[in-house]
């Protein structure tokens, strides 16, 4: 009798705890769904607002009166201007004006003159908005004769073209090791994209020409797909068509290591001074800053133009990996110098240009206001490889999401775990879990979930 009463009490406790948990979860889920219905788009962040303000002012005032824009140390937009009236217009718009000597037209003319000169592998140049000059870099492989020749070209253009040596070599970030693999070597998947009928991986063009066959490491070595289109040199992007035609569940998430991922909500243009993140199959997740736009790099394999220059490090095998900030896709890894021990410079193919040229859109489940590119609401498992590093301290590259599961339940849990969605339901759950943890049911459920997480398939 006493045992029967005890069992009844324990059963009642479990039911009460589960009911409380479900009630609390329902309250959080309601907040999550409300957040999905009226999301706080990436355009609402201060950094994105500053970048948009600067770009708009440059467009309105024109390239003859401005010389680019960037995000200042205080988070405000800074616009380089060449006359007092333009400076007044910038200040009235709430941005900071910096008067410079050379307009964007002059800076672009200098870059064109450098492109017209004989090509020297191991050199790169970028328009530095903050210093109002064009910086030409030469790596350790450039001979003294080529350095002298390039210096003469720079001197002939004007004093605002600066020559400097950089350590290491400018190379594409591909090697012959192992997590999307082909006969050409290893690369990293960038973003999952679609043309509305078929899903693809957006990655670097130098990873392999059209027709290259790719295999997925960490998934039994099975065949992944074939390169359906590639542009390199000139640009540096390509599409790998999934053999199955679909990216799968969770396709809007890029992996950042440790079973964690960042949900991508759209594509946009990078801004000088912007804090950015890169994930790759060799070195994992790393952060840095955009230092220049429209960079030109003379790789040994060919010249690529229109690149994003950053202080983010990268290593061989990271090629094609995603560059993002606040959930916005910015580009895919092209190449650079240095490594993630000593640091270096890395260049990225801008994502919006690649998407437009290839006629595809990002796969996102919830398009956010302010995103430059939308996408069909297709789910899927992460289209980026996992790295070995966690998010840098204090970093918040985008909304967090799990990449270890492939079920709707895991997608829901990723939403529910977002602190922005935790409301009054947390109080109910807190009390309910105390009773729930004491029961056998919760232990069994936890073991089941742990098993599923451990054995679930994921990128790289």
Protein backbone atom coordinates (compact mmCIF):
# COMPACT_ATOMS: atom_id res chain seq x y z
CA UNK A 1 0.00 0.00 0.00
CA UNK A 2 2.77 2.35 1.03
CA UNK A 3 4.75 1.39 -2.12
CA UNK A 4 1.72 1.90 -4.32
CA UNK A 5 1.12 5.31 -2.75
CA UNK A 6 4.82 6.17 -3.30
CA UNK A 7 4.64 5.17 -6.95
CA UNK A 8 1.53 7.28 -7.35
CA UNK A 9 3.25 10.26 -5.76
CA UNK A 10 6.31 9.85 -7.99
CA UNK A 11 4.11 9.49 -11.07
CA UNK A 12 2.20 12.62 -10.08
CA UNK A 13 5.48 14.46 -9.54
CA UNK A 14 6.71 13.48 -12.99
CA UNK A 15 3.47 14.51 -14.62
CA UNK A 16 3.45 17.83 -12.79
CA UNK A 17 7.08 18.48 -13.76
CA UNK A 18 6.48 17.56 -17.39
CA UNK A 19 3.37 19.73 -17.48
CA UNK A 20 5.33 22.62 -16.03
CA UNK A 21 8.12 22.08 -18.53
CA UNK A 22 5.69 21.97 -21.43
CA UNK A 23 3.93 25.09 -20.19
CA UNK A 24 7.19 26.98 -19.85
CA UNK A 25 8.39 25.72 -23.23
CA UNK A 26 5.13 26.78 -24.82
CA UNK A 27 5.55 30.28 -23.37
CA UNK A 28 9.10 30.51 -24.73
CA UNK A 29 8.04 29.02 -28.06
CA UNK A 30 5.33 31.66 -28.31
CA UNK A 31 7.99 34.32 -27.84
CA UNK A 32 10.20 32.58 -30.40
CA UNK A 33 7.42 32.46 -32.96
CA UNK A 34 6.57 36.07 -32.26
CA UNK A 35 10.21 36.91 -32.84
CA UNK A 36 10.16 35.00 -36.12
CA UNK A 37 6.99 36.82 -37.20
CA UNK A 38 8.51 40.23 -36.52
CA UNK A 39 12.29 39.66 -36.40
CA UNK A 40 14.79 42.23 -35.42
CA UNK A 41 16.66 42.35 -38.67
CA UNK A 42 20.44 42.72 -38.97
CA UNK A 43 19.96 46.19 -40.46
CA UNK A 44 18.94 47.39 -36.99
CA UNK A 45 22.41 46.85 -35.53
CA UNK A 46 24.58 49.98 -35.10
CA UNK A 47 27.38 48.63 -37.31
CA UNK A 48 25.06 47.82 -40.21
CA UNK A 49 23.27 51.19 -39.84
CA UNK A 50 26.62 53.01 -39.91
CA UNK A 51 27.75 51.11 -43.00
CA UNK A 52 24.46 51.81 -44.78
CA UNK A 53 24.61 55.52 -43.87
CA UNK A 54 28.15 55.85 -45.22
CA UNK A 55 27.37 54.01 -48.44
CA UNK A 56 24.24 56.10 -49.02
CA UNK A 57 26.13 59.37 -48.56
CA UNK A 58 28.86 58.27 -50.97
CA UNK A 59 26.20 57.36 -53.55
CA UNK A 60 24.41 60.69 -53.15
CA UNK A 61 27.49 62.91 -53.21
CA UNK A 62 29.30 61.04 -56.00
CA UNK A 63 32.80 59.68 -56.52
CA UNK A 64 34.23 63.07 -57.54
CA UNK A 65 33.44 64.56 -54.09
CA UNK A 66 33.98 61.53 -51.87
CA UNK A 67 36.64 58.87 -51.37
CA UNK A 68 34.85 56.07 -49.58
CA UNK A 69 33.40 55.50 -46.13
CA UNK A 70 34.14 53.36 -43.08
CA UNK A 71 32.96 52.60 -39.57
CA UNK A 72 34.79 54.77 -37.03
CA UNK A 73 36.11 53.72 -33.63
CA UNK A 74 32.94 55.10 -32.01
CA UNK A 75 30.72 53.06 -34.33
CA UNK A 76 29.62 56.06 -36.43
CA UNK A 77 29.90 56.33 -40.20
CA UNK A 78 32.91 58.31 -41.44
CA UNK A 79 32.88 59.65 -45.01
CA UNK A 80 35.94 60.97 -46.82
CA UNK A 81 35.05 64.16 -48.72
CA UNK A 82 36.95 66.59 -50.93
CA UNK A 83 35.08 69.87 -50.33
CA UNK A 84 33.37 71.85 -47.56
CA UNK A 85 29.84 71.53 -48.96
CA UNK A 86 30.12 67.76 -49.08
CA UNK A 87 31.41 67.81 -45.49
CA UNK A 88 28.37 69.82 -44.38
CA UNK A 89 26.02 67.35 -46.07
CA UNK A 90 27.71 64.45 -44.28
CA UNK A 91 27.42 66.14 -40.86
CA UNK A 92 23.76 66.97 -41.43
CA UNK A 93 23.16 63.27 -42.02
CA UNK A 94 24.65 62.49 -38.62
CA UNK A 95 27.94 61.07 -39.90
CA UNK A 96 31.52 62.27 -39.44
CA UNK A 97 33.25 64.00 -42.36
CA UNK A 98 36.97 63.71 -43.07
CA UNK A 99 38.36 66.08 -45.69
CA UNK A 100 40.91 64.38 -48.00
CA UNK A 101 42.97 65.40 -50.98
CA UNK A 102 42.16 62.65 -53.48
CA UNK A 103 38.70 61.66 -54.69
CA UNK A 104 37.51 58.13 -55.37
CA UNK A 105 37.85 58.86 -59.09
CA UNK A 106 41.57 59.51 -58.59
CA UNK A 107 42.03 56.42 -56.43
CA UNK A 108 40.29 54.25 -59.02
CA UNK A 109 42.43 55.73 -61.77
CA UNK A 110 45.53 54.77 -59.80
CA UNK A 111 44.28 51.19 -59.40
CA UNK A 112 43.57 51.01 -63.14
CA UNK A 113 47.14 52.14 -63.91
CA UNK A 114 48.50 49.40 -61.67
CA UNK A 115 46.35 46.80 -63.44
CA UNK A 116 47.64 48.00 -66.80
CA UNK A 117 51.27 47.49 -65.74
CA UNK A 118 52.98 44.12 -66.38
CA UNK A 119 51.67 41.54 -63.93
CA UNK A 120 53.93 40.61 -60.99
CA UNK A 121 52.86 37.46 -59.05
CA UNK A 122 53.07 38.01 -55.31
CA UNK A 123 51.76 41.58 -55.37
CA UNK A 124 48.45 43.04 -54.28
CA UNK A 125 46.94 46.49 -53.99
CA UNK A 126 43.95 47.96 -52.24
CA UNK A 127 42.33 51.37 -51.87
CA UNK A 128 42.81 52.46 -48.26
CA UNK A 129 39.88 54.76 -47.53
CA UNK A 130 41.13 55.79 -44.10
CA UNK A 131 44.53 57.02 -45.30
CA UNK A 132 43.30 58.20 -48.72
CA UNK A 133 45.87 56.28 -50.69
CA UNK A 134 46.42 53.11 -52.67
CA UNK A 135 48.70 50.62 -50.92
CA UNK A 136 50.72 48.18 -53.01
CA UNK A 137 52.06 45.12 -51.16
CA UNK A 138 54.76 42.73 -52.36
CA UNK A 139 55.38 39.39 -50.67
CA UNK A 140 58.69 37.62 -50.07
CA UNK A 141 58.64 35.99 -53.50
CA UNK A 142 58.85 39.28 -55.44
CA UNK A 143 62.38 39.82 -56.76
CA UNK A 144 64.36 43.01 -56.31
CA UNK A 145 64.02 43.75 -60.05
CA UNK A 146 60.22 43.38 -59.96
CA UNK A 147 60.05 45.50 -56.79
CA UNK A 148 62.02 48.26 -58.53
CA UNK A 149 59.78 48.07 -61.59
CA UNK A 150 56.59 48.26 -59.52
CA UNK A 151 58.03 51.15 -57.51
CA UNK A 152 58.61 53.10 -60.74
CA UNK A 153 54.98 52.51 -61.76
CA UNK A 154 53.75 53.67 -58.35
CA UNK A 155 55.96 56.77 -58.40
CA UNK A 156 54.65 57.67 -61.85
CA UNK A 157 51.04 57.58 -60.60
CA UNK A 158 51.58 59.85 -57.61
CA UNK A 159 52.70 60.11 -54.01
CA UNK A 160 49.39 58.74 -52.74
CA UNK A 161 50.41 55.27 -54.03
CA UNK A 162 52.51 53.62 -51.33
CA UNK A 163 54.73 50.54 -51.74
CA UNK A 164 55.35 48.17 -48.85
CA UNK A 165 56.73 44.67 -48.28
CA UNK A 166 54.63 42.02 -46.52
CA UNK A 167 55.90 38.81 -44.90
CA UNK A 168 55.00 35.41 -46.27
CA UNK A 169 53.50 34.67 -49.69
CA UNK A 170 50.14 35.54 -51.26
CA UNK A 171 48.61 32.16 -52.01
CA UNK A 172 45.19 30.65 -52.47
CA UNK A 173 44.20 28.72 -49.34
CA UNK A 174 43.98 25.25 -50.87
CA UNK A 175 46.07 22.21 -49.96
CA UNK A 176 46.21 18.51 -50.68
CA UNK A 177 45.09 17.25 -47.27
CA UNK A 178 41.57 16.49 -46.30
CA UNK A 179 36.79 18.68 -45.55
CA UNK A 180 35.33 18.92 -48.92
CA UNK A 181 37.73 16.84 -50.95
CA UNK A 182 38.49 16.47 -54.62
CA UNK A 183 41.43 15.33 -56.69
CA UNK A 184 42.65 18.94 -56.56
CA UNK A 185 42.89 18.98 -52.76
CA UNK A 186 40.83 20.24 -49.86
CA UNK A 187 38.59 23.28 -49.51
CA UNK A 188 35.87 24.52 -47.16
CA UNK A 189 32.21 24.83 -48.04
CA UNK A 190 30.95 28.40 -47.89
CA UNK A 191 27.19 28.95 -47.96
CA UNK A 192 24.25 26.85 -49.14
CA UNK A 193 22.44 28.47 -52.06
CA UNK A 194 19.64 27.60 -54.45
CA UNK A 195 18.36 28.54 -57.88
CA UNK A 196 14.82 27.60 -56.82
CA UNK A 197 15.07 24.08 -58.25
CA UNK A 198 18.42 22.70 -57.08
CA UNK A 199 20.65 23.42 -54.08
CA UNK A 200 24.38 24.14 -54.30
CA UNK A 201 27.41 25.00 -52.18
CA UNK A 202 28.95 28.42 -52.85
CA UNK A 203 32.73 28.15 -52.44
CA UNK A 204 35.95 29.50 -53.99
CA UNK A 205 36.55 29.27 -57.72
CA UNK A 206 40.18 28.23 -57.40
CA UNK A 207 39.10 25.10 -55.49
CA UNK A 208 38.37 23.32 -58.75
CA UNK A 209 37.20 23.85 -62.33
CA UNK A 210 33.76 22.96 -63.64
CA UNK A 211 33.25 19.19 -63.49
CA UNK A 212 35.35 18.62 -60.34
CA UNK A 213 33.88 15.87 -58.13
CA UNK A 214 33.67 16.50 -54.38
CA UNK A 215 33.47 14.17 -51.42
CA UNK A 216 32.40 14.97 -47.86
CA UNK A 217 34.88 14.10 -45.15
CA UNK A 218 33.32 12.93 -41.88
CA UNK A 219 30.28 11.41 -43.62
CA UNK A 220 31.76 8.09 -44.67
CA UNK A 221 33.68 9.72 -47.51
CA UNK A 222 30.56 9.64 -49.69
CA UNK A 223 30.33 11.63 -52.87
CA UNK A 224 28.90 15.09 -52.28
CA UNK A 225 28.48 16.64 -55.69
CA UNK A 226 30.11 18.15 -58.76
CA UNK A 227 31.26 21.69 -59.59
CA UNK A 228 28.55 23.12 -61.84
CA UNK A 229 30.16 26.50 -62.53
CA UNK A 230 33.42 28.25 -61.67
CA UNK A 231 35.08 31.63 -62.16
CA UNK A 232 38.84 31.91 -61.55
CA UNK A 233 40.99 33.91 -62.11
CA UNK A 234 39.34 37.32 -62.50
CA UNK A 235 36.81 36.35 -59.81
CA UNK A 236 37.01 33.58 -57.24
CA UNK A 237 33.70 31.73 -56.82
CA UNK A 238 32.13 28.44 -57.84
CA UNK A 239 29.03 26.30 -57.32
CA UNK A 240 29.06 22.66 -56.22
CA UNK A 241 25.76 20.98 -57.12
CA UNK A 242 24.53 18.49 -54.53
CA UNK A 243 24.12 15.05 -56.11
CA UNK A 244 20.85 14.71 -54.19
CA UNK A 245 19.70 18.12 -55.38
CA UNK A 246 19.04 19.23 -51.79
CA UNK A 247 21.24 20.66 -49.04
CA UNK A 248 19.19 19.04 -46.28
CA UNK A 249 17.94 20.24 -42.92
CA UNK A 250 19.66 23.25 -41.32
CA UNK A 251 21.14 24.61 -44.55
CA UNK A 252 20.98 28.19 -43.27
CA UNK A 253 23.59 27.49 -40.57
CA UNK A 254 27.38 27.76 -40.90
CA UNK A 255 29.42 25.70 -38.46
CA UNK A 256 31.90 27.38 -36.12
CA UNK A 257 33.17 24.32 -34.25
CA UNK A 258 32.18 22.34 -31.20
CA UNK A 259 28.81 21.44 -32.68
CA UNK A 260 27.83 25.12 -32.74
CA UNK A 261 26.75 27.23 -35.66
CA UNK A 262 25.61 30.68 -36.73
CA UNK A 263 22.31 31.18 -38.51
CA UNK A 264 22.69 33.13 -41.76
CA UNK A 265 19.82 35.49 -42.56
CA UNK A 266 20.93 37.24 -45.75
CA UNK A 267 23.84 38.59 -47.79
CA UNK A 268 25.33 42.08 -47.75
CA UNK A 269 28.30 44.25 -48.66
CA UNK A 270 31.27 44.52 -46.31
CA UNK A 271 32.30 47.91 -44.91
CA UNK A 272 35.78 49.13 -43.98
CA UNK A 273 36.16 49.00 -40.21
CA UNK A 274 33.52 46.27 -39.83
CA UNK A 275 34.18 43.43 -37.39
CA UNK A 276 33.91 40.13 -39.24
CA UNK A 277 34.23 36.38 -38.66
CA UNK A 278 35.57 33.57 -40.83
CA UNK A 279 35.12 29.83 -40.38
CA UNK A 280 37.19 27.20 -42.17
CA UNK A 281 37.86 23.49 -42.11
CA UNK A 282 41.54 23.89 -41.14
CA UNK A 283 41.70 26.67 -38.58
CA UNK A 284 38.08 26.98 -37.37
CA UNK A 285 36.55 30.30 -36.35
CA UNK A 286 38.57 33.53 -36.31
CA UNK A 287 37.72 37.21 -36.22
CA UNK A 288 39.21 40.39 -37.61
CA UNK A 289 38.41 43.67 -39.33
CA UNK A 290 37.75 44.76 -42.90
CA UNK A 291 40.65 46.99 -43.94
CA UNK A 292 39.95 47.53 -47.62
CA UNK A 293 37.57 46.90 -50.52
CA UNK A 294 38.06 46.30 -54.26
CA UNK A 295 41.48 44.74 -53.62
CA UNK A 296 43.48 43.15 -56.44
CA UNK A 297 45.71 40.12 -55.75
CA UNK A 298 48.20 38.62 -58.19
CA UNK A 299 48.26 34.96 -57.15
CA UNK A 300 50.70 32.62 -58.87
CA UNK A 301 47.65 31.06 -60.60
CA UNK A 302 46.23 34.37 -61.82
CA UNK A 303 44.90 37.80 -60.86
CA UNK A 304 41.67 38.30 -58.92
CA UNK A 305 40.02 41.72 -58.50
CA UNK A 306 37.23 43.22 -56.39
CA UNK A 307 38.18 41.40 -53.19
CA UNK A 308 37.58 42.26 -49.52
CA UNK A 309 40.81 42.74 -47.55
CA UNK A 310 40.79 41.80 -43.85
CA UNK A 311 43.00 41.14 -40.85
CA UNK A 312 41.38 37.72 -40.32
CA UNK A 313 43.86 34.87 -40.51
CA UNK A 314 43.45 31.78 -42.70
CA UNK A 315 45.42 28.66 -43.58
CA UNK A 316 45.57 26.12 -46.42
CA UNK A 317 42.27 24.24 -46.62
CA UNK A 318 40.24 27.25 -45.46
CA UNK A 319 39.59 28.30 -49.08
CA UNK A 320 35.93 28.85 -49.83
CA UNK A 321 34.94 29.11 -46.16
CA UNK A 322 32.34 31.71 -45.15
CA UNK A 323 32.97 35.32 -44.08
CA UNK A 324 30.06 36.77 -42.10
CA UNK A 325 29.04 39.37 -39.53
CA UNK A 326 25.88 39.51 -37.43
CA UNK A 327 24.35 36.68 -39.43
CA UNK A 328 25.00 38.38 -42.79
CA UNK A 329 26.98 36.52 -45.46
CA UNK A 330 29.76 38.78 -46.75
CA UNK A 331 32.06 36.56 -48.79
CA UNK A 332 34.03 33.34 -49.27
CA UNK A 333 37.73 32.86 -48.52
CA UNK A 334 40.01 33.45 -51.50
CA UNK A 335 43.61 33.65 -50.26
CA UNK A 336 46.20 35.69 -48.44
CA UNK A 337 49.44 35.56 -46.50
CA UNK A 338 50.48 34.41 -43.03
CA UNK A 339 48.74 31.90 -40.78
CA UNK A 340 46.67 31.73 -37.59
CA UNK A 341 49.75 31.51 -35.36
CA UNK A 342 51.54 34.66 -36.48
CA UNK A 343 48.55 36.40 -38.10
CA UNK A 344 48.22 37.65 -41.64
CA UNK A 345 46.07 39.19 -44.34
CA UNK A 346 43.16 37.33 -45.96
CA UNK A 347 41.13 38.29 -49.02
CA UNK A 348 37.53 37.30 -49.72
CA UNK A 349 35.35 37.10 -52.79
CA UNK A 350 32.26 39.27 -52.01
CA UNK A 351 29.12 37.14 -51.67
CA UNK A 352 26.58 39.51 -53.32
CA UNK A 353 28.64 39.68 -56.53
CA UNK A 354 28.96 35.90 -56.67
CA UNK A 355 25.26 35.33 -56.01
CA UNK A 356 24.27 37.75 -58.77
CA UNK A 357 26.73 36.33 -61.30
CA UNK A 358 25.66 32.74 -60.61
CA UNK A 359 21.94 33.46 -60.50
CA UNK A 360 21.39 31.91 -57.06
CA UNK A 361 20.18 33.02 -53.63
CA UNK A 362 21.17 32.09 -50.13
CA UNK A 363 19.13 29.41 -48.41
CA UNK A 364 17.60 30.97 -45.32
CA UNK A 365 14.62 29.87 -43.27
CA UNK A 366 13.62 33.33 -42.08
CA UNK A 367 14.56 36.26 -44.33
CA UNK A 368 15.37 39.28 -42.18
CA UNK A 369 14.57 42.90 -42.89
CA UNK A 370 17.54 44.74 -44.31
CA UNK A 371 19.25 41.69 -45.84
CA UNK A 372 20.65 42.44 -49.28
CA UNK A 373 19.64 39.09 -50.67
CA UNK A 374 16.63 36.96 -49.86
CA UNK A 375 16.22 33.25 -50.42
CA UNK A 376 13.67 30.55 -50.72
CA UNK A 377 12.63 29.26 -47.30
CA UNK A 378 14.50 26.00 -47.56
CA UNK A 379 15.96 24.23 -44.51
CA UNK A 380 19.08 22.10 -44.33
CA UNK A 381 22.15 20.93 -42.51
CA UNK A 382 25.04 23.30 -42.42
CA UNK A 383 26.71 24.04 -45.69
CA UNK A 384 29.95 25.03 -43.96
CA UNK A 385 32.53 22.85 -42.38
CA UNK A 386 33.08 22.87 -38.68
CA UNK A 387 36.24 24.33 -37.33
CA UNK A 388 38.00 23.52 -34.13
CA UNK A 389 37.71 26.89 -32.41
CA UNK A 390 34.92 28.41 -30.41
CA UNK A 391 33.56 31.91 -30.65
CA UNK A 392 36.13 34.48 -29.47
CA UNK A 393 35.44 35.90 -26.03
CA UNK A 394 32.75 38.52 -26.16
CA UNK A 395 32.02 37.83 -29.80
CA UNK A 396 28.50 37.61 -31.11
CA UNK A 397 28.78 36.78 -34.81
CA UNK A 398 25.07 36.01 -35.22
CA UNK A 399 22.16 34.11 -33.77
CA UNK A 400 23.37 30.80 -32.37
CA UNK A 401 22.03 27.51 -33.65
CA UNK A 402 22.86 23.83 -33.25
CA UNK A 403 24.36 22.05 -36.25
CA UNK A 404 24.49 18.55 -34.81
CA UNK A 405 20.88 17.54 -35.45
CA UNK A 406 18.83 17.03 -38.55
CA UNK A 407 15.32 17.09 -37.13
CA UNK A 408 12.64 19.71 -36.70
CA UNK A 409 12.94 19.26 -32.96
CA UNK A 410 16.58 20.36 -33.03
CA UNK A 411 15.66 23.42 -35.07
CA UNK A 412 12.99 24.28 -32.50
CA UNK A 413 15.43 23.79 -29.64
CA UNK A 414 17.89 26.13 -31.33
CA UNK A 415 15.20 28.81 -31.38
CA UNK A 416 14.11 28.13 -27.84
CA UNK A 417 17.71 28.37 -26.58
CA UNK A 418 18.01 31.91 -27.95
CA UNK A 419 18.11 34.23 -24.87
CA UNK A 420 16.05 36.81 -26.76
CA UNK A 421 13.12 34.39 -26.72
CA UNK A 422 13.26 33.46 -23.01
CA UNK A 423 10.42 35.14 -21.21
CA UNK A 424 8.19 34.31 -18.24
CA UNK A 425 8.25 30.65 -19.20
CA UNK A 426 11.75 30.41 -17.72
CA UNK A 427 10.32 30.77 -14.20
CA UNK A 428 7.91 27.92 -14.75
CA UNK A 429 10.63 25.70 -16.22
CA UNK A 430 13.00 26.42 -13.35
CA UNK A 431 10.64 25.03 -10.74
CA UNK A 432 9.54 22.15 -12.92
CA UNK A 433 13.07 20.95 -13.66
CA UNK A 434 13.81 20.48 -9.96
CA UNK A 435 11.21 17.73 -9.76
CA UNK A 436 11.95 16.43 -13.26
CA UNK A 437 15.68 15.91 -12.72
CA UNK A 438 14.92 13.60 -9.76
CA UNK A 439 13.07 11.13 -11.96
CA UNK A 440 14.34 8.33 -14.12
CA UNK A 441 12.52 9.65 -17.11
CA UNK A 442 14.75 12.68 -17.50
CA UNK A 443 17.91 10.57 -17.29
CA UNK A 444 16.68 8.29 -20.04
CA UNK A 445 15.73 11.25 -22.20
CA UNK A 446 19.10 12.91 -21.68
CA UNK A 447 20.93 9.71 -22.60
CA UNK A 448 18.88 9.42 -25.77
CA UNK A 449 19.61 13.00 -26.78
CA UNK A 450 23.31 12.65 -25.98
CA UNK A 451 23.48 9.59 -28.20
CA UNK A 452 21.76 11.43 -31.01
CA UNK A 453 24.08 14.43 -30.71
CA UNK A 454 27.15 12.23 -30.67
CA UNK A 455 26.22 10.24 -33.74
CA UNK A 456 24.48 12.91 -35.81
CA UNK A 457 26.20 13.77 -39.08
CA UNK A 458 27.61 17.24 -39.72
CA UNK A 459 30.14 19.02 -41.94
CA UNK A 460 33.87 18.49 -41.63
